[in-house]
């Protein structure tokens, strides 16, 4: 398991979950990844960890670059265990490391989950000098947990975005320009629709907080890293968070004796006759996460049961 250099002395050291097919009931037919990043500087910094079952993979990737015992800081952008699960394991191999997390919610969440560790809380506007680089912390509460934050490196123009801009997607290629762009946009939309759609106002607030930062790379917590289509994914988040809709319809139904199905078929055809593209979903046969992806940007929704 080798680290992947994404910028000079900055490495992806995460794990790929090729087999994951469900995430809290969200259908993940393309798997996922748990992304962590290692920065080599005067103070060696690990940004996020991975889900606990993948802890050895994380350690091995870090060890392919440096001795893990030399790590000075571990940044925890988000308490949820798909990002923090390997934290106790890594702390056992990084005896001198401090854990940087948001206050108060990050501190509260990590303490409740992992007990006493050498924590250091940060808030909006705080920075951390790690040598020739600086890390800036931007809280993004409820995107999608109260503790969530992102970390920005101005010298590299890299945003370590954790859940924002991510996708549940397993890929052997780390960057957007190395993958099928149509798949990336669909998986990013699916991720937003199923995890972040309820938090549109919070997403708008986060985008506003980030708007003055020059960003050349978005190093996400799941899926691929954006480097060639940063503006495009930012614009899609603007669209989705403001609820911009397209002239299309989603027809969703459940049926016992097919009478509701007959109505759903009739309604679907009626939309089409009016020139409105419509999609037809039987709840018994279709994944809820796929349905929500279509609902996100559709002007019309018809539900029958």
C-alpha atoms as a PDB file:
ATOM      1  CA  UNK A   1       0.000   0.000   0.000  1.00  0.00           C
ATOM      2  CA  UNK A   2       1.760   3.126  -1.234  1.00  0.00           C
ATOM      3  CA  UNK A   3       1.001   6.798  -0.764  1.00  0.00           C
ATOM      4  CA  UNK A   4       0.079   8.874  -3.837  1.00  0.00           C
ATOM      5  CA  UNK A   5       1.749  12.281  -4.177  1.00  0.00           C
ATOM      6  CA  UNK A   6      -0.890  14.873  -5.130  1.00  0.00           C
ATOM      7  CA  UNK A   7       1.416  17.911  -4.812  1.00  0.00           C
ATOM      8  CA  UNK A   8       5.076  18.197  -3.838  1.00  0.00           C
ATOM      9  CA  UNK A   9       5.370  16.677  -0.330  1.00  0.00           C
ATOM     10  CA  UNK A  10       1.598  16.227  -0.012  1.00  0.00           C
ATOM     11  CA  UNK A  11       0.238  12.691  -0.240  1.00  0.00           C
ATOM     12  CA  UNK A  12      -3.074  10.839  -0.375  1.00  0.00           C
ATOM     13  CA  UNK A  13      -2.781   8.088   2.228  1.00  0.00           C
ATOM     14  CA  UNK A  14      -6.401   6.931   2.453  1.00  0.00           C
ATOM     15  CA  UNK A  15      -8.175   3.664   1.736  1.00  0.00           C
ATOM     16  CA  UNK A  16     -10.422   2.401  -1.070  1.00  0.00           C
ATOM     17  CA  UNK A  17     -13.542   0.445  -0.116  1.00  0.00           C
ATOM     18  CA  UNK A  18     -14.264  -1.449  -3.330  1.00  0.00           C
ATOM     19  CA  UNK A  19     -16.943  -3.661  -1.758  1.00  0.00           C
ATOM     20  CA  UNK A  20     -19.142  -1.165   0.106  1.00  0.00           C
ATOM     21  CA  UNK A  21     -22.694  -1.273  -1.245  1.00  0.00           C
ATOM     22  CA  UNK A  22     -24.616   0.574   1.462  1.00  0.00           C
ATOM     23  CA  UNK A  23     -23.877   3.685   3.539  1.00  0.00           C
ATOM     24  CA  UNK A  24     -26.607   4.242   6.159  1.00  0.00           C
ATOM     25  CA  UNK A  25     -29.137   2.898   3.641  1.00  0.00           C
ATOM     26  CA  UNK A  26     -27.663   4.945   0.764  1.00  0.00           C
ATOM     27  CA  UNK A  27     -27.002   2.577  -2.146  1.00  0.00           C
ATOM     28  CA  UNK A  28     -23.302   2.808  -3.042  1.00  0.00           C
ATOM     29  CA  UNK A  29     -23.096   0.623  -6.123  1.00  0.00           C
ATOM     30  CA  UNK A  30     -19.660   2.004  -7.033  1.00  0.00           C
ATOM     31  CA  UNK A  31     -18.071   1.581  -3.601  1.00  0.00           C
ATOM     32  CA  UNK A  32     -16.298   4.450  -1.854  1.00  0.00           C
ATOM     33  CA  UNK A  33     -13.023   5.670  -0.419  1.00  0.00           C
ATOM     34  CA  UNK A  34     -11.938   7.181   2.887  1.00  0.00           C
ATOM     35  CA  UNK A  35      -9.447   9.896   2.079  1.00  0.00           C
ATOM     36  CA  UNK A  36      -6.650  11.038   4.360  1.00  0.00           C
ATOM     37  CA  UNK A  37      -3.761  13.333   3.467  1.00  0.00           C
ATOM     38  CA  UNK A  38      -0.184  13.634   4.717  1.00  0.00           C
ATOM     39  CA  UNK A  39       1.757  16.919   4.531  1.00  0.00           C
ATOM     40  CA  UNK A  40       5.536  16.855   4.951  1.00  0.00           C
ATOM     41  CA  UNK A  41       6.791  20.109   6.450  1.00  0.00           C
ATOM     42  CA  UNK A  42       8.622  21.210   9.599  1.00  0.00           C
ATOM     43  CA  UNK A  43       5.578  19.889  11.432  1.00  0.00           C
ATOM     44  CA  UNK A  44       4.342  16.717   9.749  1.00  0.00           C
ATOM     45  CA  UNK A  45       0.564  16.753   9.520  1.00  0.00           C
ATOM     46  CA  UNK A  46      -2.040  14.079   8.820  1.00  0.00           C
ATOM     47  CA  UNK A  47      -5.429  15.411   7.710  1.00  0.00           C
ATOM     48  CA  UNK A  48      -8.233  13.022   8.713  1.00  0.00           C
ATOM     49  CA  UNK A  49      -7.972   9.261   9.118  1.00  0.00           C
ATOM     50  CA  UNK A  50     -10.091   6.393   7.728  1.00  0.00           C
ATOM     51  CA  UNK A  51     -12.823   3.978   8.777  1.00  0.00           C
ATOM     52  CA  UNK A  52     -11.513   1.689  11.531  1.00  0.00           C
ATOM     53  CA  UNK A  53     -11.359  -1.569   9.483  1.00  0.00           C
ATOM     54  CA  UNK A  54      -8.929   0.179   7.087  1.00  0.00           C
ATOM     55  CA  UNK A  55      -6.523   1.452   9.766  1.00  0.00           C
ATOM     56  CA  UNK A  56      -3.652  -0.837   8.728  1.00  0.00           C
ATOM     57  CA  UNK A  57      -3.952   0.378   5.140  1.00  0.00           C
ATOM     58  CA  UNK A  58      -3.674   3.982   6.321  1.00  0.00           C
ATOM     59  CA  UNK A  59      -0.650   3.206   8.474  1.00  0.00           C
ATOM     60  CA  UNK A  60       1.078   1.345   5.656  1.00  0.00           C
ATOM     61  CA  UNK A  61       0.581   4.224   3.214  1.00  0.00           C
ATOM     62  CA  UNK A  62       1.924   6.734   5.747  1.00  0.00           C
ATOM     63  CA  UNK A  63       4.877   4.453   6.492  1.00  0.00           C
ATOM     64  CA  UNK A  64       5.707   4.318   2.768  1.00  0.00           C
ATOM     65  CA  UNK A  65       6.619   8.023   3.083  1.00  0.00           C
ATOM     66  CA  UNK A  66       7.772   8.639   6.674  1.00  0.00           C
ATOM     67  CA  UNK A  67       7.967   7.024  10.081  1.00  0.00           C
ATOM     68  CA  UNK A  68       4.450   7.577  11.533  1.00  0.00           C
ATOM     69  CA  UNK A  69       6.027   8.412  14.904  1.00  0.00           C
ATOM     70  CA  UNK A  70       7.241  11.681  13.346  1.00  0.00           C
ATOM     71  CA  UNK A  71       3.692  13.007  12.842  1.00  0.00           C
ATOM     72  CA  UNK A  72       3.150  16.204  14.857  1.00  0.00           C
ATOM     73  CA  UNK A  73      -0.510  16.960  14.116  1.00  0.00           C
ATOM     74  CA  UNK A  74      -3.608  14.988  13.163  1.00  0.00           C
ATOM     75  CA  UNK A  75      -6.410  17.224  11.878  1.00  0.00           C
ATOM     76  CA  UNK A  76      -9.896  15.845  12.494  1.00  0.00           C
ATOM     77  CA  UNK A  77     -12.240  17.747  10.189  1.00  0.00           C
ATOM     78  CA  UNK A  78     -15.208  15.577  11.171  1.00  0.00           C
ATOM     79  CA  UNK A  79     -15.994  13.201  14.061  1.00  0.00           C
ATOM     80  CA  UNK A  80     -18.061  10.654  12.100  1.00  0.00           C
ATOM     81  CA  UNK A  81     -16.205   7.295  12.282  1.00  0.00           C
ATOM     82  CA  UNK A  82     -15.755   6.847   8.532  1.00  0.00           C
ATOM     83  CA  UNK A  83     -13.282   9.741   8.922  1.00  0.00           C
ATOM     84  CA  UNK A  84     -12.098   9.402  12.531  1.00  0.00           C
ATOM     85  CA  UNK A  85     -12.382   5.656  13.174  1.00  0.00           C
ATOM     86  CA  UNK A  86      -8.637   5.022  12.894  1.00  0.00           C
ATOM     87  CA  UNK A  87      -7.725   7.946  15.178  1.00  0.00           C
ATOM     88  CA  UNK A  88      -6.960   5.903  18.358  1.00  0.00           C
ATOM     89  CA  UNK A  89      -4.915   3.423  16.313  1.00  0.00           C
ATOM     90  CA  UNK A  90      -2.914   6.208  14.679  1.00  0.00           C
ATOM     91  CA  UNK A  91      -2.359   7.970  18.001  1.00  0.00           C
ATOM     92  CA  UNK A  92      -0.800   4.755  19.311  1.00  0.00           C
ATOM     93  CA  UNK A  93       1.714   5.007  16.446  1.00  0.00           C
ATOM     94  CA  UNK A  94       2.105   8.805  16.656  1.00  0.00           C
ATOM     95  CA  UNK A  95       3.021   9.338  20.322  1.00  0.00           C
ATOM     96  CA  UNK A  96       3.895  13.025  19.925  1.00  0.00           C
ATOM     97  CA  UNK A  97       0.913  14.072  17.830  1.00  0.00           C
ATOM     98  CA  UNK A  98      -1.749  16.590  18.838  1.00  0.00           C
ATOM     99  CA  UNK A  99      -5.303  16.204  17.568  1.00  0.00           C
ATOM    100  CA  UNK A 100      -6.720  19.394  16.048  1.00  0.00           C
ATOM    101  CA  UNK A 101     -10.520  19.611  15.928  1.00  0.00           C
ATOM    102  CA  UNK A 102     -13.349  22.132  15.998  1.00  0.00           C
ATOM    103  CA  UNK A 103     -14.654  23.701  19.194  1.00  0.00           C
ATOM    104  CA  UNK A 104     -16.891  22.964  20.882  1.00  0.00           C
ATOM    105  CA  UNK A 105     -18.542  20.173  18.878  1.00  0.00           C
ATOM    106  CA  UNK A 106     -15.440  18.437  17.545  1.00  0.00           C
ATOM    107  CA  UNK A 107     -13.883  18.281  21.000  1.00  0.00           C
ATOM    108  CA  UNK A 108     -17.141  17.065  22.504  1.00  0.00           C
ATOM    109  CA  UNK A 109     -17.635  14.374  19.853  1.00  0.00           C
ATOM    110  CA  UNK A 110     -14.087  13.022  19.844  1.00  0.00           C
ATOM    111  CA  UNK A 111     -13.914  12.902  23.647  1.00  0.00           C
ATOM    112  CA  UNK A 112     -17.221  11.043  23.823  1.00  0.00           C
ATOM    113  CA  UNK A 113     -16.116   8.539  21.200  1.00  0.00           C
ATOM    114  CA  UNK A 114     -12.411   8.042  21.958  1.00  0.00           C
ATOM    115  CA  UNK A 115     -11.793   9.405  25.456  1.00  0.00           C
ATOM    116  CA  UNK A 116      -8.907  11.629  26.478  1.00  0.00           C
ATOM    117  CA  UNK A 117      -6.345  12.383  23.797  1.00  0.00           C
ATOM    118  CA  UNK A 118      -4.050  15.430  23.404  1.00  0.00           C
ATOM    119  CA  UNK A 119      -6.713  17.617  21.794  1.00  0.00           C
ATOM    120  CA  UNK A 120      -6.389  21.204  20.624  1.00  0.00           C
ATOM    121  CA  UNK A 121      -9.555  23.052  19.628  1.00  0.00           C
ATOM    122  CA  UNK A 122      -9.778  25.559  16.772  1.00  0.00           C
ATOM    123  CA  UNK A 123     -12.468  27.998  15.688  1.00  0.00           C
ATOM    124  CA  UNK A 124     -13.238  30.162  12.661  1.00  0.00           C
ATOM    125  CA  UNK A 125     -10.242  32.252  11.653  1.00  0.00           C
ATOM    126  CA  UNK A 126      -7.679  30.188  13.548  1.00  0.00           C
ATOM    127  CA  UNK A 127      -4.506  29.175  11.717  1.00  0.00           C
ATOM    128  CA  UNK A 128      -1.743  26.673  12.337  1.00  0.00           C
ATOM    129  CA  UNK A 129       1.805  27.177  11.062  1.00  0.00           C
ATOM    130  CA  UNK A 130       3.449  23.892  10.110  1.00  0.00           C
ATOM    131  CA  UNK A 131       6.593  25.412   8.569  1.00  0.00           C
ATOM    132  CA  UNK A 132       6.543  26.892   5.102  1.00  0.00           C
ATOM    133  CA  UNK A 133       2.832  26.157   4.990  1.00  0.00           C
ATOM    134  CA  UNK A 134      -0.113  27.440   6.998  1.00  0.00           C
ATOM    135  CA  UNK A 135      -3.412  25.705   7.653  1.00  0.00           C
ATOM    136  CA  UNK A 136      -6.588  27.762   8.010  1.00  0.00           C
ATOM    137  CA  UNK A 137      -9.743  26.338   9.606  1.00  0.00           C
ATOM    138  CA  UNK A 138     -13.231  27.126   8.352  1.00  0.00           C
ATOM    139  CA  UNK A 139     -16.222  25.746  10.293  1.00  0.00           C
ATOM    140  CA  UNK A 140     -18.976  24.255   8.105  1.00  0.00           C
ATOM    141  CA  UNK A 141     -21.552  23.280  10.762  1.00  0.00           C
ATOM    142  CA  UNK A 142     -24.321  20.919   9.641  1.00  0.00           C
ATOM    143  CA  UNK A 143     -22.508  20.110   6.431  1.00  0.00           C
ATOM    144  CA  UNK A 144     -23.477  17.611   7.553  1.00  0.00           C
ATOM    145  CA  UNK A 145     -22.726  17.325  11.312  1.00  0.00           C
ATOM    146  CA  UNK A 146     -22.420  20.107  13.939  1.00  0.00           C
ATOM    147  CA  UNK A 147     -18.654  19.558  14.262  1.00  0.00           C
ATOM    148  CA  UNK A 148     -17.814  19.665  10.546  1.00  0.00           C
ATOM    149  CA  UNK A 149     -15.041  21.939   9.316  1.00  0.00           C
ATOM    150  CA  UNK A 150     -12.699  22.208   6.340  1.00  0.00           C
ATOM    151  CA  UNK A 151      -8.974  22.937   6.271  1.00  0.00           C
ATOM    152  CA  UNK A 152      -7.372  25.268   3.722  1.00  0.00           C
ATOM    153  CA  UNK A 153      -3.681  25.588   2.815  1.00  0.00           C
ATOM    154  CA  UNK A 154      -3.144  29.022   1.183  1.00  0.00           C
ATOM    155  CA  UNK A 155       0.422  28.319   0.041  1.00  0.00           C
ATOM    156  CA  UNK A 156      -0.774  25.324  -1.980  1.00  0.00           C
ATOM    157  CA  UNK A 157      -4.309  26.620  -2.698  1.00  0.00           C
ATOM    158  CA  UNK A 158      -5.677  23.236  -1.567  1.00  0.00           C
ATOM    159  CA  UNK A 159      -8.990  22.833   0.257  1.00  0.00           C
ATOM    160  CA  UNK A 160      -9.222  19.680   2.380  1.00  0.00           C
ATOM    161  CA  UNK A 161     -12.995  19.560   2.236  1.00  0.00           C
ATOM    162  CA  UNK A 162     -13.959  16.379   4.105  1.00  0.00           C
ATOM    163  CA  UNK A 163     -17.617  15.604   3.199  1.00  0.00           C
ATOM    164  CA  UNK A 164     -18.176  18.643   0.964  1.00  0.00           C
ATOM    165  CA  UNK A 165     -17.763  18.058  -2.800  1.00  0.00           C
ATOM    166  CA  UNK A 166     -17.287  14.312  -2.256  1.00  0.00           C
ATOM    167  CA  UNK A 167     -18.696  11.210  -3.885  1.00  0.00           C
ATOM    168  CA  UNK A 168     -19.114   7.598  -2.839  1.00  0.00           C
ATOM    169  CA  UNK A 169     -16.895   6.163  -5.556  1.00  0.00           C
ATOM    170  CA  UNK A 170     -14.081   3.620  -5.510  1.00  0.00           C
ATOM    171  CA  UNK A 171     -11.446   4.331  -8.146  1.00  0.00           C
ATOM    172  CA  UNK A 172      -7.841   3.384  -8.732  1.00  0.00           C
ATOM    173  CA  UNK A 173      -7.275   6.910 -10.091  1.00  0.00           C
ATOM    174  CA  UNK A 174      -7.178   9.769  -7.623  1.00  0.00           C
ATOM    175  CA  UNK A 175      -8.068  12.797  -9.778  1.00  0.00           C
ATOM    176  CA  UNK A 176     -11.136  14.069 -11.629  1.00  0.00           C
ATOM    177  CA  UNK A 177      -9.318  14.282 -14.975  1.00  0.00           C
ATOM    178  CA  UNK A 178      -8.370  10.589 -14.705  1.00  0.00           C
ATOM    179  CA  UNK A 179     -11.987   9.403 -14.405  1.00  0.00           C
ATOM    180  CA  UNK A 180     -15.209   9.502 -16.420  1.00  0.00           C
ATOM    181  CA  UNK A 181     -16.503  13.010 -15.724  1.00  0.00           C
ATOM    182  CA  UNK A 182     -20.165  12.093 -16.270  1.00  0.00           C
ATOM    183  CA  UNK A 183     -19.851   9.411 -13.563  1.00  0.00           C
ATOM    184  CA  UNK A 184     -18.169  11.870 -11.190  1.00  0.00           C
ATOM    185  CA  UNK A 185     -20.880  14.495 -11.612  1.00  0.00           C
ATOM    186  CA  UNK A 186     -23.631  11.905 -11.129  1.00  0.00           C
ATOM    187  CA  UNK A 187     -22.010  10.494  -7.984  1.00  0.00           C
ATOM    188  CA  UNK A 188     -21.401  14.014  -6.628  1.00  0.00           C
ATOM    189  CA  UNK A 189     -25.077  14.827  -7.253  1.00  0.00           C
ATOM    190  CA  UNK A 190     -26.166  11.561  -5.617  1.00  0.00           C
ATOM    191  CA  UNK A 191     -23.971  12.328  -2.603  1.00  0.00           C
ATOM    192  CA  UNK A 192     -25.402  15.827  -2.243  1.00  0.00           C
ATOM    193  CA  UNK A 193     -29.002  14.651  -2.709  1.00  0.00           C
ATOM    194  CA  UNK A 194     -28.783  11.901  -0.103  1.00  0.00           C
ATOM    195  CA  UNK A 195     -26.504  13.451   2.514  1.00  0.00           C
ATOM    196  CA  UNK A 196     -26.506  17.238   2.165  1.00  0.00           C
ATOM    197  CA  UNK A 197     -29.802  18.252   0.499  1.00  0.00           C
ATOM    198  CA  UNK A 198     -31.515  19.010   3.830  1.00  0.00           C
ATOM    199  CA  UNK A 199     -28.742  21.481   4.633  1.00  0.00           C
ATOM    200  CA  UNK A 200     -28.983  23.832   1.653  1.00  0.00           C
ATOM    201  CA  UNK A 201     -28.717  26.978   3.779  1.00  0.00           C
ATOM    202  CA  UNK A 202     -25.669  25.609   5.559  1.00  0.00           C
ATOM    203  CA  UNK A 203     -24.132  24.719   2.193  1.00  0.00           C
ATOM    204  CA  UNK A 204     -24.735  28.283   1.001  1.00  0.00           C
ATOM    205  CA  UNK A 205     -23.076  29.623   4.166  1.00  0.00           C
ATOM    206  CA  UNK A 206     -20.077  27.352   3.613  1.00  0.00           C
ATOM    207  CA  UNK A 207     -19.736  28.428  -0.019  1.00  0.00           C
ATOM    208  CA  UNK A 208     -19.893  32.069   1.079  1.00  0.00           C
ATOM    209  CA  UNK A 209     -17.163  31.466   3.666  1.00  0.00           C
ATOM    210  CA  UNK A 210     -14.964  29.887   0.977  1.00  0.00           C
ATOM    211  CA  UNK A 211     -15.682  32.303  -1.886  1.00  0.00           C
ATOM    212  CA  UNK A 212     -12.632  34.520  -1.348  1.00  0.00           C
ATOM    213  CA  UNK A 213     -10.186  31.620  -1.098  1.00  0.00           C
ATOM    214  CA  UNK A 214      -8.252  30.870  -4.297  1.00  0.00           C
ATOM    215  CA  UNK A 215      -8.709  27.110  -4.663  1.00  0.00           C
ATOM    216  CA  UNK A 216      -6.770  25.062  -7.212  1.00  0.00           C
ATOM    217  CA  UNK A 217      -7.496  21.644  -5.719  1.00  0.00           C
ATOM    218  CA  UNK A 218     -10.276  20.174  -3.580  1.00  0.00           C
ATOM    219  CA  UNK A 219      -9.034  17.171  -1.617  1.00  0.00           C
ATOM    220  CA  UNK A 220     -12.283  15.482  -0.622  1.00  0.00           C
ATOM    221  CA  UNK A 221     -13.064  13.054   2.194  1.00  0.00           C
ATOM    222  CA  UNK A 222     -14.697  10.525  -0.160  1.00  0.00           C
ATOM    223  CA  UNK A 223     -14.105   9.747  -3.826  1.00  0.00           C
ATOM    224  CA  UNK A 224     -11.760  11.590  -6.155  1.00  0.00           C
ATOM    225  CA  UNK A 225      -9.779  14.828  -5.823  1.00  0.00           C
ATOM    226  CA  UNK A 226     -10.898  17.799  -7.942  1.00  0.00           C
ATOM    227  CA  UNK A 227      -8.072  19.605  -9.738  1.00  0.00           C
ATOM    228  CA  UNK A 228      -9.250  20.245 -13.316  1.00  0.00           C
ATOM    229  CA  UNK A 229     -12.941  20.907 -12.633  1.00  0.00           C
ATOM    230  CA  UNK A 230     -12.867  22.862  -9.366  1.00  0.00           C
ATOM    231  CA  UNK A 231     -15.062  25.678 -10.684  1.00  0.00           C
ATOM    232  CA  UNK A 232     -17.547  23.247 -12.197  1.00  0.00           C
ATOM    233  CA  UNK A 233     -18.167  21.328  -8.953  1.00  0.00           C
ATOM    234  CA  UNK A 234     -18.366  24.622  -7.052  1.00  0.00           C
ATOM    235  CA  UNK A 235     -21.007  25.879  -9.509  1.00  0.00           C
ATOM    236  CA  UNK A 236     -22.992  22.649  -9.126  1.00  0.00           C
ATOM    237  CA  UNK A 237     -23.010  23.082  -5.342  1.00  0.00           C
ATOM    238  CA  UNK A 238     -24.257  26.645  -5.826  1.00  0.00           C
ATOM    239  CA  UNK A 239     -27.059  25.314  -8.027  1.00  0.00           C
ATOM    240  CA  UNK A 240     -28.016  22.448  -5.746  1.00  0.00           C
ATOM    241  CA  UNK A 241     -27.865  24.476  -2.521  1.00  0.00           C
ATOM    242  CA  UNK A 242     -30.148  27.155  -3.991  1.00  0.00           C
ATOM    243  CA  UNK A 243     -32.659  24.542  -5.159  1.00  0.00           C
ATOM    244  CA  UNK A 244     -32.358  25.308  -8.872  1.00  0.00           C
ATOM    245  CA  UNK A 245     -34.770  23.023 -10.755  1.00  0.00           C
ATOM    246  CA  UNK A 246     -35.052  21.581 -14.252  1.00  0.00           C
ATOM    247  CA  UNK A 247     -38.236  21.022 -16.258  1.00  0.00           C
ATOM    248  CA  UNK A 248     -38.629  17.336 -15.494  1.00  0.00           C
ATOM    249  CA  UNK A 249     -40.846  15.120 -13.340  1.00  0.00           C
ATOM    250  CA  UNK A 250     -40.313  12.224 -10.963  1.00  0.00           C
ATOM    251  CA  UNK A 251     -43.191   9.778 -10.447  1.00  0.00           C
ATOM    252  CA  UNK A 252     -42.761   7.534  -7.376  1.00  0.00           C
ATOM    253  CA  UNK A 253     -45.203   4.875  -6.207  1.00  0.00           C
ATOM    254  CA  UNK A 254     -45.841   1.755  -4.199  1.00  0.00           C
ATOM    255  CA  UNK A 255     -48.677  -0.588  -5.103  1.00  0.00           C
ATOM    256  CA  UNK A 256     -50.314  -3.776  -3.867  1.00  0.00           C
ATOM    257  CA  UNK A 257     -52.797  -4.735  -6.601  1.00  0.00           C
ATOM    258  CA  UNK A 258     -51.270  -2.541  -9.398  1.00  0.00           C
ATOM    259  CA  UNK A 259     -54.051   0.068  -9.355  1.00  0.00           C
ATOM    260  CA  UNK A 260     -51.647   2.733  -8.038  1.00  0.00           C
ATOM    261  CA  UNK A 261     -49.127   1.566 -10.632  1.00  0.00           C
ATOM    262  CA  UNK A 262     -51.723   2.125 -13.363  1.00  0.00           C
ATOM    263  CA  UNK A 263     -52.259   5.677 -12.121  1.00  0.00           C
ATOM    264  CA  UNK A 264     -48.500   6.247 -11.988  1.00  0.00           C
ATOM    265  CA  UNK A 265     -48.118   5.106 -15.602  1.00  0.00           C
ATOM    266  CA  UNK A 266     -50.951   7.407 -16.674  1.00  0.00           C
ATOM    267  CA  UNK A 267     -49.407  10.375 -14.844  1.00  0.00           C
ATOM    268  CA  UNK A 268     -45.982   9.657 -16.342  1.00  0.00           C
ATOM    269  CA  UNK A 269     -47.428   9.628 -19.859  1.00  0.00           C
ATOM    270  CA  UNK A 270     -49.395  12.813 -19.138  1.00  0.00           C
ATOM    271  CA  UNK A 271     -46.195  14.631 -18.180  1.00  0.00           C
ATOM    272  CA  UNK A 272     -44.540  13.395 -21.368  1.00  0.00           C
ATOM    273  CA  UNK A 273     -47.479  14.528 -23.497  1.00  0.00           C
ATOM    274  CA  UNK A 274     -47.037  18.013 -22.003  1.00  0.00           C
ATOM    275  CA  UNK A 275     -43.380  17.987 -23.063  1.00  0.00           C
ATOM    276  CA  UNK A 276     -42.059  17.365 -19.554  1.00  0.00           C
ATOM    277  CA  UNK A 277     -39.509  14.507 -19.370  1.00  0.00           C
ATOM    278  CA  UNK A 278     -40.636  12.107 -16.648  1.00  0.00           C
ATOM    279  CA  UNK A 279     -39.057   9.171 -14.860  1.00  0.00           C
ATOM    280  CA  UNK A 280     -41.030   6.329 -13.274  1.00  0.00           C
ATOM    281  CA  UNK A 281     -39.935   4.687 -10.006  1.00  0.00           C
ATOM    282  CA  UNK A 282     -41.446   1.627  -8.339  1.00  0.00           C
ATOM    283  CA  UNK A 283     -40.369   1.780  -4.686  1.00  0.00           C
ATOM    284  CA  UNK A 284     -40.144  -2.005  -4.527  1.00  0.00           C
ATOM    285  CA  UNK A 285     -37.641  -2.130  -7.387  1.00  0.00           C
ATOM    286  CA  UNK A 286     -35.566   1.064  -7.159  1.00  0.00           C
ATOM    287  CA  UNK A 287     -33.048   2.265  -4.595  1.00  0.00           C
ATOM    288  CA  UNK A 288     -34.244   5.270  -2.593  1.00  0.00           C
ATOM    289  CA  UNK A 289     -30.862   6.966  -3.081  1.00  0.00           C
ATOM    290  CA  UNK A 290     -31.276   6.857  -6.882  1.00  0.00           C
ATOM    291  CA  UNK A 291     -34.773   8.325  -6.589  1.00  0.00           C
ATOM    292  CA  UNK A 292     -33.517  11.152  -4.349  1.00  0.00           C
ATOM    293  CA  UNK A 293     -30.820  11.971  -6.894  1.00  0.00           C
ATOM    294  CA  UNK A 294     -33.503  12.629  -9.518  1.00  0.00           C
ATOM    295  CA  UNK A 295     -35.738  14.528  -7.093  1.00  0.00           C
ATOM    296  CA  UNK A 296     -32.929  16.994  -6.269  1.00  0.00           C
ATOM    297  CA  UNK A 297     -33.259  18.973  -9.507  1.00  0.00           C
ATOM    298  CA  UNK A 298     -36.756  18.035 -10.769  1.00  0.00           C
ATOM    299  CA  UNK A 299     -39.524  20.632 -10.869  1.00  0.00           C
ATOM    300  CA  UNK A 300     -42.337  18.124 -10.363  1.00  0.00           C
ATOM    301  CA  UNK A 301     -42.774  15.240  -7.950  1.00  0.00           C
ATOM    302  CA  UNK A 302     -45.786  12.911  -7.938  1.00  0.00           C
ATOM    303  CA  UNK A 303     -46.067  10.329  -5.146  1.00  0.00           C
ATOM    304  CA  UNK A 304     -48.696   7.610  -4.878  1.00  0.00           C
ATOM    305  CA  UNK A 305     -49.309   4.759  -2.440  1.00  0.00           C
END
